[in-house]
């Protein structure tokens, strides 16, 4: 017996010896797997029999990475440094740059696809000296 659990509940799945032995390396607590099953309903009871288990790989995020930069901390001298910093974190996620002024009004734009990024946490930490407050005011312009 294998218990499959998610945020909505759990179900007990029967895995016969041949199926269990073939896939036992995947059947460890906390593993994220897909299960090929046959469901049967008898007497208001649902029974699940596994025919295979397959590893699931987490999908890479494609959500844009948003850099909120404070206008008063930017100058033509630091922009090349910020560009080089962005280039140190290459990836596949689009980069959105938001520039916020002292009044809290902002403008955001999408950077070129050549500046797609990967490690959001590392990038955010690297540009921290130029970062604006995290909360956008209600009168922001987009």
Protein backbone atom coordinates (compact mmCIF):
# COMPACT_ATOMS: atom_id res chain seq x y z
CA UNK A 1 0.00 0.00 0.00
CA UNK A 2 1.13 3.51 -0.85
CA UNK A 3 -0.54 6.62 0.54
CA UNK A 4 -0.70 9.52 -1.90
CA UNK A 5 -1.25 12.86 -0.22
CA UNK A 6 -1.74 16.44 -1.36
CA UNK A 7 -3.20 19.61 0.16
CA UNK A 8 -6.76 18.35 -0.30
CA UNK A 9 -6.39 14.96 1.36
CA UNK A 10 -5.01 11.51 0.83
CA UNK A 11 -5.83 8.25 -0.91
CA UNK A 12 -4.53 4.75 -0.35
CA UNK A 13 -3.18 3.15 -3.52
CA UNK A 14 -2.50 -0.53 -3.98
CA UNK A 15 0.83 -1.20 -5.68
CA UNK A 16 1.40 -4.88 -6.46
CA UNK A 17 4.89 -6.32 -5.91
CA UNK A 18 6.08 -5.96 -9.51
CA UNK A 19 5.05 -2.29 -9.72
CA UNK A 20 6.34 -1.46 -6.24
CA UNK A 21 9.72 -3.16 -6.83
CA UNK A 22 10.19 -1.46 -10.20
CA UNK A 23 9.56 2.02 -8.74
CA UNK A 24 10.60 1.70 -5.08
CA UNK A 25 13.42 4.28 -5.41
CA UNK A 26 10.73 6.91 -6.11
CA UNK A 27 8.51 5.88 -3.21
CA UNK A 28 10.12 7.76 -0.35
CA UNK A 29 8.40 10.20 2.01
CA UNK A 30 8.19 13.68 0.52
CA UNK A 31 8.87 12.57 -3.05
CA UNK A 32 6.80 14.30 -5.73
CA UNK A 33 5.55 11.71 -8.20
CA UNK A 34 2.88 11.13 -10.81
CA UNK A 35 0.94 7.91 -10.52
CA UNK A 36 -0.71 5.93 -13.29
CA UNK A 37 -3.72 4.32 -11.63
CA UNK A 38 -6.85 2.39 -12.32
CA UNK A 39 -9.79 3.48 -10.21
CA UNK A 40 -12.66 1.15 -9.39
CA UNK A 41 -15.83 2.01 -7.52
CA UNK A 42 -17.69 -0.63 -5.50
CA UNK A 43 -20.24 -0.12 -2.77
CA UNK A 44 -19.53 3.63 -2.52
CA UNK A 45 -15.81 2.91 -2.09
CA UNK A 46 -13.11 4.06 -4.50
CA UNK A 47 -10.10 1.80 -4.88
CA UNK A 48 -6.94 2.81 -6.69
CA UNK A 49 -4.42 0.35 -8.16
CA UNK A 50 -1.10 1.70 -9.37
CA UNK A 51 0.40 0.62 -12.69
CA UNK A 52 3.38 2.98 -12.57
CA UNK A 53 5.09 5.85 -10.74
CA UNK A 54 6.97 8.64 -12.47
CA UNK A 55 9.13 11.45 -11.04
CA UNK A 56 7.84 14.98 -11.38
CA UNK A 57 10.35 17.74 -11.88
CA UNK A 58 9.43 21.20 -10.65
CA UNK A 59 8.74 23.62 -13.47
CA UNK A 60 11.07 26.56 -13.71
CA UNK A 61 9.28 29.81 -13.07
CA UNK A 62 8.60 31.99 -16.07
CA UNK A 63 7.17 34.78 -13.94
CA UNK A 64 9.05 38.02 -14.58
CA UNK A 65 11.60 39.18 -12.04
CA UNK A 66 10.79 42.73 -10.97
CA UNK A 67 13.55 45.09 -9.87
CA UNK A 68 12.23 48.13 -7.99
CA UNK A 69 14.91 50.80 -8.12
CA UNK A 70 14.81 54.12 -6.28
CA UNK A 71 15.23 57.05 -8.71
CA UNK A 72 17.21 59.10 -6.19
CA UNK A 73 19.81 56.30 -5.93
CA UNK A 74 20.37 56.13 -9.71
CA UNK A 75 22.78 58.10 -11.84
CA UNK A 76 24.48 57.64 -15.19
CA UNK A 77 27.55 56.47 -13.24
CA UNK A 78 25.79 53.50 -11.59
CA UNK A 79 23.64 52.31 -14.51
CA UNK A 80 26.51 50.36 -16.17
CA UNK A 81 27.16 48.66 -12.81
CA UNK A 82 23.52 47.65 -12.53
CA UNK A 83 23.61 46.31 -16.10
CA UNK A 84 26.70 44.22 -15.34
CA UNK A 85 25.05 42.96 -12.15
CA UNK A 86 21.98 41.83 -14.11
CA UNK A 87 24.23 40.02 -16.61
CA UNK A 88 25.79 38.01 -13.75
CA UNK A 89 22.43 36.28 -13.16
CA UNK A 90 21.44 34.92 -16.59
CA UNK A 91 18.38 32.76 -16.98
CA UNK A 92 15.05 32.46 -18.73
CA UNK A 93 12.82 34.74 -16.66
CA UNK A 94 11.89 38.11 -18.17
CA UNK A 95 13.22 41.16 -16.32
CA UNK A 96 10.90 44.02 -15.39
CA UNK A 97 12.55 47.20 -14.18
CA UNK A 98 10.50 49.61 -12.12
CA UNK A 99 11.87 53.04 -11.23
CA UNK A 100 10.21 54.76 -8.28
CA UNK A 101 10.58 58.47 -7.50
CA UNK A 102 10.49 60.20 -4.09
CA UNK A 103 6.73 60.73 -4.36
CA UNK A 104 6.19 57.01 -4.82
CA UNK A 105 5.20 57.30 -8.46
CA UNK A 106 6.74 54.61 -10.61
CA UNK A 107 7.19 53.56 -14.17
CA UNK A 108 7.93 49.98 -15.19
CA UNK A 109 9.25 48.51 -18.40
CA UNK A 110 10.31 45.11 -19.64
CA UNK A 111 14.01 44.72 -20.38
CA UNK A 112 15.32 43.07 -23.52
CA UNK A 113 15.09 39.27 -23.73
CA UNK A 114 18.91 39.27 -23.70
CA UNK A 115 18.65 40.37 -20.07
CA UNK A 116 16.47 37.47 -18.92
CA UNK A 117 17.50 36.38 -15.44
CA UNK A 118 17.57 33.26 -13.31
CA UNK A 119 18.54 33.67 -9.65
CA UNK A 120 16.03 36.25 -8.42
CA UNK A 121 17.24 36.18 -4.82
CA UNK A 122 20.87 36.73 -5.80
CA UNK A 123 19.99 39.54 -8.19
CA UNK A 124 17.75 41.30 -5.66
CA UNK A 125 20.54 41.12 -3.06
CA UNK A 126 23.11 42.44 -5.54
CA UNK A 127 21.06 45.52 -6.43
CA UNK A 128 19.91 46.16 -2.85
CA UNK A 129 21.85 49.46 -2.58
CA UNK A 130 19.62 50.84 -5.37
CA UNK A 131 16.35 49.23 -4.29
CA UNK A 132 13.14 51.11 -3.60
CA UNK A 133 10.63 50.18 -0.92
CA UNK A 134 8.78 46.96 -1.74
CA UNK A 135 5.21 48.28 -1.50
CA UNK A 136 3.87 50.12 -4.53
CA UNK A 137 1.73 53.16 -3.78
CA UNK A 138 -1.79 53.09 -5.26
CA UNK A 139 -1.02 55.92 -7.72
CA UNK A 140 1.81 54.05 -9.50
CA UNK A 141 1.89 54.30 -13.27
CA UNK A 142 2.34 51.12 -15.32
